[in-house]
Every structure is written in C-alpha cells, then in structure tokens.
Amino acid sequence: NRKITGALVGVQPFGGYNMSGTDSKAGGPDYLANFLQLKTVC
C-alpha cells in the first residue's frame, strides 16, 4: 500500500535475490559482514 521505490538505510535494508543479486542488503545490520572473515583462536 505504498510505492515500491525509496528504501531507507536501516529502515528497509535493500537488495534482491534470484537474478537481482546476492541479497546483500545494503543499509542492513549484516551488510558489513560481507567484507569480513572469521578466525577462531583456541
């Protein structure tokens, strides 16, 4: 019940799937994890 454009950062994290992309969700809570890797130290 509104327009389908105009996603707001942090409000409507943006990104698609299928042939629209990797659904990385720019402006979303996990976006920065795309640029990090994890290292376990015991």
PDB file of all heavy atoms in Angstrom:
ATOM      1  N   ASN A   1       0.809  -1.229   0.000  1.00  0.00           N
ATOM      2  CA  ASN A   1       0.000   0.000   0.000  1.00  0.00           C
ATOM      3  C   ASN A   1       0.841   1.278   0.000  1.00  0.00           C
ATOM      4  O   ASN A   1       0.515   2.269   0.653  1.00  0.00           O
ATOM      5  CB  ASN A   1      -0.973  -0.011   1.192  1.00  0.00           C
ATOM      6  CG  ASN A   1      -1.962  -1.154   1.090  1.00  0.00           C
ATOM      7  OD1 ASN A   1      -2.581  -1.361   0.051  1.00  0.00           O
ATOM      8  ND2 ASN A   1      -2.104  -1.919   2.168  1.00  0.00           N
ATOM      9  N   ARG A   2       1.920   1.242  -0.790  1.00  0.00           N
ATOM     10  CA  ARG A   2       2.779   2.406  -0.978  1.00  0.00           C
ATOM     11  C   ARG A   2       3.632   2.155  -2.214  1.00  0.00           C
ATOM     12  O   ARG A   2       3.589   1.090  -2.831  1.00  0.00           O
ATOM     13  CB  ARG A   2       3.671   2.671   0.235  1.00  0.00           C
ATOM     14  CG  ARG A   2       4.498   1.478   0.697  1.00  0.00           C
ATOM     15  CD  ARG A   2       5.787   1.867   1.364  1.00  0.00           C
ATOM     16  NE  ARG A   2       6.788   2.278   0.390  1.00  0.00           N
ATOM     17  CZ  ARG A   2       8.002   2.736   0.702  1.00  0.00           C
ATOM     18  NH1 ARG A   2       8.359   2.854   1.969  1.00  0.00           N
ATOM     19  NH2 ARG A   2       8.868   3.079  -0.248  1.00  0.00           N
ATOM     20  N   LYS A   3       4.454   3.137  -2.568  1.00  0.00           N
ATOM     21  CA  LYS A   3       5.351   2.958  -3.715  1.00  0.00           C
ATOM     22  C   LYS A   3       6.412   1.905  -3.399  1.00  0.00           C
ATOM     23  O   LYS A   3       6.682   1.604  -2.219  1.00  0.00           O
ATOM     24  CB  LYS A   3       6.010   4.282  -4.088  1.00  0.00           C
ATOM     25  CG  LYS A   3       6.951   4.843  -3.039  1.00  0.00           C
ATOM     26  CD  LYS A   3       7.589   6.139  -3.530  1.00  0.00           C
ATOM     27  CE  LYS A   3       8.580   6.677  -2.482  1.00  0.00           C
ATOM     28  NZ  LYS A   3       9.308   7.862  -2.964  1.00  0.00           N
ATOM     29  N   ILE A   4       7.019   1.353  -4.453  1.00  0.00           N
ATOM     30  CA  ILE A   4       7.989   0.268  -4.262  1.00  0.00           C
ATOM     31  C   ILE A   4       9.429   0.743  -4.417  1.00  0.00           C
ATOM     32  O   ILE A   4      10.347  -0.068  -4.461  1.00  0.00           O
ATOM     33  CB  ILE A   4       7.691  -0.919  -5.197  1.00  0.00           C
ATOM     34  CG1 ILE A   4       7.937  -0.550  -6.669  1.00  0.00           C
ATOM     35  CG2 ILE A   4       6.268  -1.415  -4.998  1.00  0.00           C
ATOM     36  CD1 ILE A   4       7.855  -1.741  -7.620  1.00  0.00           C
ATOM     37  N   THR A   5       9.636   2.038  -4.476  1.00  0.00           N
ATOM     38  CA  THR A   5      10.974   2.628  -4.512  1.00  0.00           C
ATOM     39  C   THR A   5      11.204   3.403  -3.218  1.00  0.00           C
ATOM     40  O   THR A   5      10.283   3.591  -2.421  1.00  0.00           O
ATOM     41  CB  THR A   5      11.128   3.579  -5.703  1.00  0.00           C
ATOM     42  OG1 THR A   5      10.113   4.591  -5.628  1.00  0.00           O
ATOM     43  CG2 THR A   5      11.002   2.829  -7.021  1.00  0.00           C
ATOM     44  N   GLY A   6      12.442   3.860  -3.029  1.00  0.00           N
ATOM     45  CA  GLY A   6      12.729   4.742  -1.899  1.00  0.00           C
ATOM     46  C   GLY A   6      13.069   4.033  -0.603  1.00  0.00           C
ATOM     47  O   GLY A   6      12.719   4.506   0.479  1.00  0.00           O
ATOM     48  N   ALA A   7      13.770   2.898  -0.666  1.00  0.00           N
ATOM     49  CA  ALA A   7      14.197   2.206   0.551  1.00  0.00           C
ATOM     50  C   ALA A   7      15.106   3.113   1.381  1.00  0.00           C
ATOM     51  O   ALA A   7      16.005   3.765   0.847  1.00  0.00           O
ATOM     52  CB  ALA A   7      14.916   0.911   0.191  1.00  0.00           C
ATOM     53  N   LEU A   8      14.881   3.126   2.679  1.00  0.00           N
ATOM     54  CA  LEU A   8      15.674   3.952   3.589  1.00  0.00           C
ATOM     55  C   LEU A   8      16.714   3.102   4.296  1.00  0.00           C
ATOM     56  O   LEU A   8      16.432   1.977   4.737  1.00  0.00           O
ATOM     57  CB  LEU A   8      14.765   4.621   4.626  1.00  0.00           C
ATOM     58  CG  LEU A   8      13.753   5.639   4.096  1.00  0.00           C
ATOM     59  CD1 LEU A   8      12.805   6.066   5.212  1.00  0.00           C
ATOM     60  CD2 LEU A   8      14.461   6.847   3.510  1.00  0.00           C
ATOM     61  N   VAL A   9      17.917   3.647   4.432  1.00  0.00           N
ATOM     62  CA  VAL A   9      19.006   2.971   5.122  1.00  0.00           C
ATOM     63  C   VAL A   9      18.591   2.641   6.548  1.00  0.00           C
ATOM     64  O   VAL A   9      18.059   3.495   7.269  1.00  0.00           O
ATOM     65  CB  VAL A   9      20.264   3.862   5.125  1.00  0.00           C
ATOM     66  CG1 VAL A   9      21.360   3.270   5.998  1.00  0.00           C
ATOM     67  CG2 VAL A   9      20.763   4.078   3.695  1.00  0.00           C
ATOM     68  N   GLY A  10      18.798   1.409   6.954  1.00  0.00           N
ATOM     69  CA  GLY A  10      18.479   0.984   8.310  1.00  0.00           C
ATOM     70  C   GLY A  10      17.012   0.730   8.556  1.00  0.00           C
ATOM     71  O   GLY A  10      16.651   0.125   9.569  1.00  0.00           O
ATOM     72  N   VAL A  11      16.158   1.182   7.654  1.00  0.00           N
ATOM     73  CA  VAL A  11      14.712   1.019   7.801  1.00  0.00           C
ATOM     74  C   VAL A  11      14.205  -0.095   6.890  1.00  0.00           C
ATOM     75  O   VAL A  11      13.463  -0.987   7.320  1.00  0.00           O
ATOM     76  CB  VAL A  11      13.981   2.346   7.491  1.00  0.00           C
ATOM     77  CG1 VAL A  11      12.463   2.180   7.617  1.00  0.00           C
ATOM     78  CG2 VAL A  11      14.472   3.451   8.413  1.00  0.00           C
ATOM     79  N   GLN A  12      14.604  -0.027   5.641  1.00  0.00           N
ATOM     80  CA  GLN A  12      14.280  -1.071   4.660  1.00  0.00           C
ATOM     81  C   GLN A  12      15.576  -1.524   3.993  1.00  0.00           C
ATOM     82  O   GLN A  12      15.900  -1.080   2.877  1.00  0.00           O
ATOM     83  CB  GLN A  12      13.297  -0.547   3.600  1.00  0.00           C
ATOM     84  CG  GLN A  12      11.931  -0.178   4.135  1.00  0.00           C
ATOM     85  CD  GLN A  12      11.628   1.309   3.993  1.00  0.00           C
ATOM     86  OE1 GLN A  12      12.407   2.075   3.430  1.00  0.00           O
ATOM     87  NE2 GLN A  12      10.486   1.723   4.508  1.00  0.00           N
ATOM     88  N   PRO A  13      16.385  -2.358   4.665  1.00  0.00           N
ATOM     89  CA  PRO A  13      17.626  -2.834   4.047  1.00  0.00           C
ATOM     90  C   PRO A  13      17.359  -3.349   2.639  1.00  0.00           C
ATOM     91  O   PRO A  13      16.396  -4.082   2.408  1.00  0.00           O
ATOM     92  CB  PRO A  13      18.079  -3.945   4.994  1.00  0.00           C
ATOM     93  CG  PRO A  13      17.527  -3.527   6.329  1.00  0.00           C
ATOM     94  CD  PRO A  13      16.190  -2.928   6.013  1.00  0.00           C
ATOM     95  N   PHE A  14      18.228  -2.965   1.694  1.00  0.00           N
ATOM     96  CA  PHE A  14      17.881  -3.128   0.285  1.00  0.00           C
ATOM     97  C   PHE A  14      18.755  -4.159  -0.413  1.00  0.00           C
ATOM     98  O   PHE A  14      19.975  -4.155  -0.298  1.00  0.00           O
ATOM     99  CB  PHE A  14      18.030  -1.782  -0.430  1.00  0.00           C
ATOM    100  CG  PHE A  14      17.574  -1.812  -1.859  1.00  0.00           C
ATOM    101  CD1 PHE A  14      16.224  -1.727  -2.169  1.00  0.00           C
ATOM    102  CD2 PHE A  14      18.487  -1.946  -2.883  1.00  0.00           C
ATOM    103  CE1 PHE A  14      15.791  -1.774  -3.486  1.00  0.00           C
ATOM    104  CE2 PHE A  14      18.065  -1.995  -4.206  1.00  0.00           C
ATOM    105  CZ  PHE A  14      16.718  -1.905  -4.509  1.00  0.00           C
ATOM    106  N   GLY A  15      18.099  -5.026  -1.196  1.00  0.00           N
ATOM    107  CA  GLY A  15      18.815  -5.973  -2.043  1.00  0.00           C
ATOM    108  C   GLY A  15      17.909  -7.120  -2.437  1.00  0.00           C
ATOM    109  O   GLY A  15      17.020  -7.522  -1.680  1.00  0.00           O
ATOM    110  N   GLY A  16      18.136  -7.650  -3.632  1.00  0.00           N
ATOM    111  CA  GLY A  16      17.274  -8.705  -4.142  1.00  0.00           C
ATOM    112  C   GLY A  16      18.011 -10.002  -4.370  1.00  0.00           C
ATOM    113  O   GLY A  16      19.229 -10.091  -4.228  1.00  0.00           O
ATOM    114  N   TYR A  17      17.224 -11.025  -4.709  1.00  0.00           N
ATOM    115  CA  TYR A  17      17.807 -12.330  -4.997  1.00  0.00           C
ATOM    116  C   TYR A  17      17.377 -12.799  -6.370  1.00  0.00           C
ATOM    117  O   TYR A  17      16.992 -11.989  -7.210  1.00  0.00           O
ATOM    118  CB  TYR A  17      17.464 -13.345  -3.905  1.00  0.00           C
ATOM    119  CG  TYR A  17      16.037 -13.372  -3.427  1.00  0.00           C
ATOM    120  CD1 TYR A  17      15.051 -14.052  -4.135  1.00  0.00           C
ATOM    121  CD2 TYR A  17      15.671 -12.755  -2.230  1.00  0.00           C
ATOM    122  CE1 TYR A  17      13.738 -14.101  -3.675  1.00  0.00           C
ATOM    123  CE2 TYR A  17      14.363 -12.800  -1.765  1.00  0.00           C
ATOM    124  CZ  TYR A  17      13.403 -13.485  -2.490  1.00  0.00           C
ATOM    125  OH  TYR A  17      12.117 -13.538  -2.028  1.00  0.00           O
ATOM    126  N   ASN A  18      17.462 -14.104  -6.629  1.00  0.00           N
ATOM    127  CA  ASN A  18      17.347 -14.622  -7.993  1.00  0.00           C
ATOM    128  C   ASN A  18      18.347 -13.862  -8.874  1.00  0.00           C
ATOM    129  O   ASN A  18      19.474 -13.638  -8.462  1.00  0.00           O
ATOM    130  CB  ASN A  18      15.910 -14.542  -8.506  1.00  0.00           C
ATOM    131  CG  ASN A  18      14.959 -15.414  -7.689  1.00  0.00           C
ATOM    132  OD1 ASN A  18      15.410 -16.287  -6.948  1.00  0.00           O
ATOM    133  ND2 ASN A  18      13.670 -15.198  -7.812  1.00  0.00           N
ATOM    134  N   MET A  19      17.955 -13.420 -10.058  1.00  0.00           N
ATOM    135  CA  MET A  19      18.892 -12.712 -10.925  1.00  0.00           C
ATOM    136  C   MET A  19      19.023 -11.230 -10.568  1.00  0.00           C
ATOM    137  O   MET A  19      19.620 -10.461 -11.319  1.00  0.00           O
ATOM    138  CB  MET A  19      18.475 -12.870 -12.389  1.00  0.00           C
ATOM    139  CG  MET A  19      18.792 -14.223 -12.960  1.00  0.00           C
ATOM    140  SD  MET A  19      20.571 -14.521 -13.006  1.00  0.00           S
ATOM    141  CE  MET A  19      20.591 -16.255 -13.492  1.00  0.00           C
ATOM    142  N   SER A  20      18.493 -10.846  -9.430  1.00  0.00           N
ATOM    143  CA  SER A  20      18.631  -9.460  -8.979  1.00  0.00           C
ATOM    144  C   SER A  20      19.828  -9.252  -8.061  1.00  0.00           C
ATOM    145  O   SER A  20      20.062  -8.143  -7.608  1.00  0.00           O
ATOM    146  CB  SER A  20      17.355  -8.996  -8.274  1.00  0.00           C
ATOM    147  OG  SER A  20      16.307  -8.816  -9.193  1.00  0.00           O
ATOM    148  N   GLY A  21      20.571 -10.329  -7.782  1.00  0.00           N
ATOM    149  CA  GLY A  21      21.777 -10.130  -6.996  1.00  0.00           C
ATOM    150  C   GLY A  21      21.925 -11.097  -5.853  1.00  0.00           C
ATOM    151  O   GLY A  21      21.215 -12.101  -5.750  1.00  0.00           O
ATOM    152  N   THR A  22      22.872 -10.780  -4.967  1.00  0.00           N
ATOM    153  CA  THR A  22      23.224 -11.666  -3.859  1.00  0.00           C
ATOM    154  C   THR A  22      22.482 -11.340  -2.576  1.00  0.00           C
ATOM    155  O   THR A  22      22.793 -11.881  -1.520  1.00  0.00           O
ATOM    156  CB  THR A  22      24.742 -11.589  -3.603  1.00  0.00           C
ATOM    157  OG1 THR A  22      25.133 -10.219  -3.421  1.00  0.00           O
ATOM    158  CG2 THR A  22      25.518 -12.162  -4.774  1.00  0.00           C
ATOM    159  N   ASP A  23      21.486 -10.453  -2.658  1.00  0.00           N
ATOM    160  CA  ASP A  23      20.663 -10.084  -1.498  1.00  0.00           C
ATOM    161  C   ASP A  23      21.518  -9.640  -0.316  1.00  0.00           C
ATOM    162  O   ASP A  23      21.272 -10.011   0.825  1.00  0.00           O
ATOM    163  CB  ASP A  23      19.746 -11.247  -1.100  1.00  0.00           C
ATOM    164  CG  ASP A  23      18.552 -10.781  -0.266  1.00  0.00           C
ATOM    165  OD1 ASP A  23      18.035  -9.688  -0.542  1.00  0.00           O
ATOM    166  OD2 ASP A  23      18.132 -11.510   0.657  1.00  0.00           O
ATOM    167  N   SER A  24      22.529  -8.844  -0.611  1.00  0.00           N
ATOM    168  CA  SER A  24      23.482  -8.444   0.420  1.00  0.00           C
ATOM    169  C   SER A  24      22.909  -7.430   1.399  1.00  0.00           C
ATOM    170  O   SER A  24      23.488  -7.198   2.453  1.00  0.00           O
ATOM    171  CB  SER A  24      24.750  -7.884  -0.226  1.00  0.00           C
ATOM    172  OG  SER A  24      24.434  -6.880  -1.172  1.00  0.00           O
ATOM    173  N   LYS A  25      21.772  -6.835   1.059  1.00  0.00           N
ATOM    174  CA  LYS A  25      21.047  -5.920   1.936  1.00  0.00           C
ATOM    175  C   LYS A  25      21.871  -4.709   2.373  1.00  0.00           C
ATOM    176  O   LYS A  25      22.237  -4.544   3.545  1.00  0.00           O
ATOM    177  CB  LYS A  25      20.498  -6.674   3.153  1.00  0.00           C
ATOM    178  CG  LYS A  25      19.293  -7.559   2.802  1.00  0.00           C
ATOM    179  CD  LYS A  25      18.098  -6.699   2.419  1.00  0.00           C
ATOM    180  CE  LYS A  25      16.855  -7.509   2.135  1.00  0.00           C
ATOM    181  NZ  LYS A  25      16.831  -8.101   0.779  1.00  0.00           N
ATOM    182  N   ALA A  26      22.147  -3.845   1.405  1.00  0.00           N
ATOM    183  CA  ALA A  26      22.801  -2.574   1.704  1.00  0.00           C
ATOM    184  C   ALA A  26      21.958  -1.797   2.707  1.00  0.00           C
ATOM    185  O   ALA A  26      20.733  -1.791   2.640  1.00  0.00           O
ATOM    186  CB  ALA A  26      22.965  -1.765   0.422  1.00  0.00           C
ATOM    187  N   GLY A  27      22.626  -1.152   3.640  1.00  0.00           N
ATOM    188  CA  GLY A  27      21.902  -0.425   4.679  1.00  0.00           C
ATOM    189  C   GLY A  27      21.232  -1.335   5.677  1.00  0.00           C
ATOM    190  O   GLY A  27      20.290  -0.926   6.364  1.00  0.00           O
ATOM    191  N   GLY A  28      21.719  -2.565   5.800  1.00  0.00           N
ATOM    192  CA  GLY A  28      21.153  -3.529   6.738  1.00  0.00           C
ATOM    193  C   GLY A  28      22.154  -3.939   7.797  1.00  0.00           C
ATOM    194  O   GLY A  28      23.359  -3.666   7.688  1.00  0.00           O
ATOM    195  N   PRO A  29      21.680  -4.638   8.837  1.00  0.00           N
ATOM    196  CA  PRO A  29      22.530  -4.923  10.001  1.00  0.00           C
ATOM    197  C   PRO A  29      23.669  -5.892   9.749  1.00  0.00           C
ATOM    198  O   PRO A  29      24.604  -5.962  10.546  1.00  0.00           O
ATOM    199  CB  PRO A  29      21.533  -5.508  11.019  1.00  0.00           C
ATOM    200  CG  PRO A  29      20.416  -6.063  10.189  1.00  0.00           C
ATOM    201  CD  PRO A  29      20.303  -5.123   9.022  1.00  0.00           C
ATOM    202  N   ASP A  30      23.627  -6.649   8.645  1.00  0.00           N
ATOM    203  CA  ASP A  30      24.689  -7.621   8.364  1.00  0.00           C
ATOM    204  C   ASP A  30      25.520  -7.248   7.142  1.00  0.00           C
ATOM    205  O   ASP A  30      26.358  -8.046   6.705  1.00  0.00           O
ATOM    206  CB  ASP A  30      24.074  -9.017   8.153  1.00  0.00           C
ATOM    207  CG  ASP A  30      23.372  -9.537   9.397  1.00  0.00           C
ATOM    208  OD1 ASP A  30      23.904  -9.320  10.497  1.00  0.00           O
ATOM    209  OD2 ASP A  30      22.296 -10.135   9.258  1.00  0.00           O
ATOM    210  N   TYR A  31      25.302  -6.078   6.579  1.00  0.00           N
ATOM    211  CA  TYR A  31      25.991  -5.734   5.343  1.00  0.00           C
ATOM    212  C   TYR A  31      27.510  -5.715   5.510  1.00  0.00           C
ATOM    213  O   TYR A  31      28.256  -6.183   4.637  1.00  0.00           O
ATOM    214  CB  TYR A  31      25.505  -4.383   4.823  1.00  0.00           C
ATOM    215  CG  TYR A  31      26.058  -4.010   3.468  1.00  0.00           C
ATOM    216  CD1 TYR A  31      25.654  -4.696   2.324  1.00  0.00           C
ATOM    217  CD2 TYR A  31      26.987  -2.979   3.312  1.00  0.00           C
ATOM    218  CE1 TYR A  31      26.162  -4.366   1.072  1.00  0.00           C
ATOM    219  CE2 TYR A  31      27.498  -2.639   2.071  1.00  0.00           C
ATOM    220  CZ  TYR A  31      27.082  -3.341   0.955  1.00  0.00           C
ATOM    221  OH  TYR A  31      27.589  -3.018  -0.279  1.00  0.00           O
ATOM    222  N   LEU A  32      28.000  -5.207   6.620  1.00  0.00           N
ATOM    223  CA  LEU A  32      29.445  -5.092   6.812  1.00  0.00           C
ATOM    224  C   LEU A  32      30.113  -6.455   6.878  1.00  0.00           C
ATOM    225  O   LEU A  32      31.308  -6.587   6.574  1.00  0.00           O
ATOM    226  CB  LEU A  32      29.754  -4.301   8.078  1.00  0.00           C
ATOM    227  CG  LEU A  32      29.278  -2.839   8.106  1.00  0.00           C
ATOM    228  CD1 LEU A  32      29.762  -2.147   9.372  1.00  0.00           C
ATOM    229  CD2 LEU A  32      29.738  -2.075   6.880  1.00  0.00           C
ATOM    230  N   ALA A  33      29.366  -7.491   7.253  1.00  0.00           N
ATOM    231  CA  ALA A  33      29.937  -8.839   7.325  1.00  0.00           C
ATOM    232  C   ALA A  33      30.369  -9.353   5.952  1.00  0.00           C
ATOM    233  O   ALA A  33      31.186 -10.278   5.868  1.00  0.00           O
ATOM    234  CB  ALA A  33      28.932  -9.805   7.950  1.00  0.00           C
ATOM    235  N   ASN A  34      29.832  -8.761   4.885  1.00  0.00           N
ATOM    236  CA  ASN A  34      30.274  -9.139   3.541  1.00  0.00           C
ATOM    237  C   ASN A  34      31.761  -8.875   3.329  1.00  0.00           C
ATOM    238  O   ASN A  34      32.375  -9.468   2.438  1.00  0.00           O
ATOM    239  CB  ASN A  34      29.486  -8.365   2.488  1.00  0.00           C
ATOM    240  CG  ASN A  34      28.062  -8.828   2.359  1.00  0.00           C
ATOM    241  OD1 ASN A  34      27.797  -9.977   2.028  1.00  0.00           O
ATOM    242  ND2 ASN A  34      27.117  -7.932   2.625  1.00  0.00           N
ATOM    243  N   PHE A  35      32.334  -7.993   4.134  1.00  0.00           N
ATOM    244  CA  PHE A  35      33.708  -7.561   3.931  1.00  0.00           C
ATOM    245  C   PHE A  35      34.631  -8.030   5.066  1.00  0.00           C
ATOM    246  O   PHE A  35      35.717  -7.486   5.253  1.00  0.00           O
ATOM    247  CB  PHE A  35      33.743  -6.035   3.805  1.00  0.00           C
ATOM    248  CG  PHE A  35      32.743  -5.536   2.801  1.00  0.00           C
ATOM    249  CD1 PHE A  35      31.549  -4.956   3.199  1.00  0.00           C
ATOM    250  CD2 PHE A  35      32.967  -5.712   1.445  1.00  0.00           C
ATOM    251  CE1 PHE A  35      30.608  -4.529   2.272  1.00  0.00           C
ATOM    252  CE2 PHE A  35      32.040  -5.288   0.509  1.00  0.00           C
ATOM    253  CZ  PHE A  35      30.861  -4.700   0.925  1.00  0.00           C
ATOM    254  N   LEU A  36      34.173  -9.046   5.779  1.00  0.00           N
ATOM    255  CA  LEU A  36      34.934  -9.605   6.898  1.00  0.00           C
ATOM    256  C   LEU A  36      34.988 -11.122   6.787  1.00  0.00           C
ATOM    257  O   LEU A  36      34.136 -11.748   6.157  1.00  0.00           O
ATOM    258  CB  LEU A  36      34.290  -9.220   8.226  1.00  0.00           C
ATOM    259  CG  LEU A  36      34.311  -7.728   8.597  1.00  0.00           C
ATOM    260  CD1 LEU A  36      33.313  -7.448   9.701  1.00  0.00           C
ATOM    261  CD2 LEU A  36      35.713  -7.319   9.031  1.00  0.00           C
ATOM    262  N   GLN A  37      35.998 -11.709   7.426  1.00  0.00           N
ATOM    263  CA  GLN A  37      36.055 -13.157   7.581  1.00  0.00           C
ATOM    264  C   GLN A  37      36.319 -13.467   9.050  1.00  0.00           C
ATOM    265  O   GLN A  37      36.733 -12.589   9.816  1.00  0.00           O
ATOM    266  CB  GLN A  37      37.122 -13.756   6.676  1.00  0.00           C
ATOM    267  CG  GLN A  37      38.498 -13.170   6.835  1.00  0.00           C
ATOM    268  CD  GLN A  37      39.423 -13.558   5.684  1.00  0.00           C
ATOM    269  OE1 GLN A  37      39.101 -14.415   4.877  1.00  0.00           O
ATOM    270  NE2 GLN A  37      40.577 -12.921   5.604  1.00  0.00           N
ATOM    271  N   LEU A  38      36.081 -14.699   9.440  1.00  0.00           N
ATOM    272  CA  LEU A  38      36.182 -15.084  10.845  1.00  0.00           C
ATOM    273  C   LEU A  38      37.385 -15.989  11.078  1.00  0.00           C
ATOM    274  O   LEU A  38      37.686 -16.877  10.275  1.00  0.00           O
ATOM    275  CB  LEU A  38      34.902 -15.797  11.290  1.00  0.00           C
ATOM    276  CG  LEU A  38      33.691 -14.875  11.505  1.00  0.00           C
ATOM    277  CD1 LEU A  38      32.400 -15.668  11.482  1.00  0.00           C
ATOM    278  CD2 LEU A  38      33.826 -14.129  12.817  1.00  0.00           C
ATOM    279  N   LYS A  39      38.021 -15.753  12.202  1.00  0.00           N
ATOM    280  CA  LYS A  39      39.182 -16.548  12.593  1.00  0.00           C
ATOM    281  C   LYS A  39      38.974 -17.043  14.025  1.00  0.00           C
ATOM    282  O   LYS A  39      38.787 -16.239  14.943  1.00  0.00           O
ATOM    283  CB  LYS A  39      40.448 -15.695  12.519  1.00  0.00           C
ATOM    284  CG  LYS A  39      41.732 -16.425  12.874  1.00  0.00           C
ATOM    285  CD  LYS A  39      42.922 -15.485  12.674  1.00  0.00           C
ATOM    286  CE  LYS A  39      44.237 -16.202  12.930  1.00  0.00           C
ATOM    287  NZ  LYS A  39      45.400 -15.303  12.677  1.00  0.00           N
ATOM    288  N   THR A  40      38.989 -18.356  14.205  1.00  0.00           N
ATOM    289  CA  THR A  40      38.837 -18.954  15.523  1.00  0.00           C
ATOM    290  C   THR A  40      40.214 -19.165  16.154  1.00  0.00           C
ATOM    291  O   THR A  40      41.123 -19.704  15.517  1.00  0.00           O
ATOM    292  CB  THR A  40      38.127 -20.311  15.426  1.00  0.00           C
ATOM    293  OG1 THR A  40      36.843 -20.128  14.838  1.00  0.00           O
ATOM    294  CG2 THR A  40      37.972 -20.952  16.800  1.00  0.00           C
ATOM    295  N   VAL A  41      40.373 -18.729  17.403  1.00  0.00           N
ATOM    296  CA  VAL A  41      41.625 -18.889  18.135  1.00  0.00           C
ATOM    297  C   VAL A  41      41.330 -19.625  19.435  1.00  0.00           C
ATOM    298  O   VAL A  41      40.478 -19.191  20.220  1.00  0.00           O
ATOM    299  CB  VAL A  41      42.289 -17.539  18.438  1.00  0.00           C
ATOM    300  CG1 VAL A  41      43.596 -17.748  19.211  1.00  0.00           C
ATOM    301  CG2 VAL A  41      42.552 -16.767  17.155  1.00  0.00           C
ATOM    302  N   CYS A  42      42.005 -20.733  19.631  1.00  0.00           N
ATOM    303  CA  CYS A  42      41.796 -21.560  20.822  1.00  0.00           C
ATOM    304  C   CYS A  42      43.112 -21.718  21.570  1.00  0.00           C
ATOM    305  O   CYS A  42      44.137 -22.078  20.970  1.00  0.00           O
ATOM    306  CB  CYS A  42      41.251 -22.932  20.410  1.00  0.00           C
ATOM    307  SG  CYS A  42      41.192 -24.130  21.747  1.00  0.00           S
TER     308      CYS A  42
END
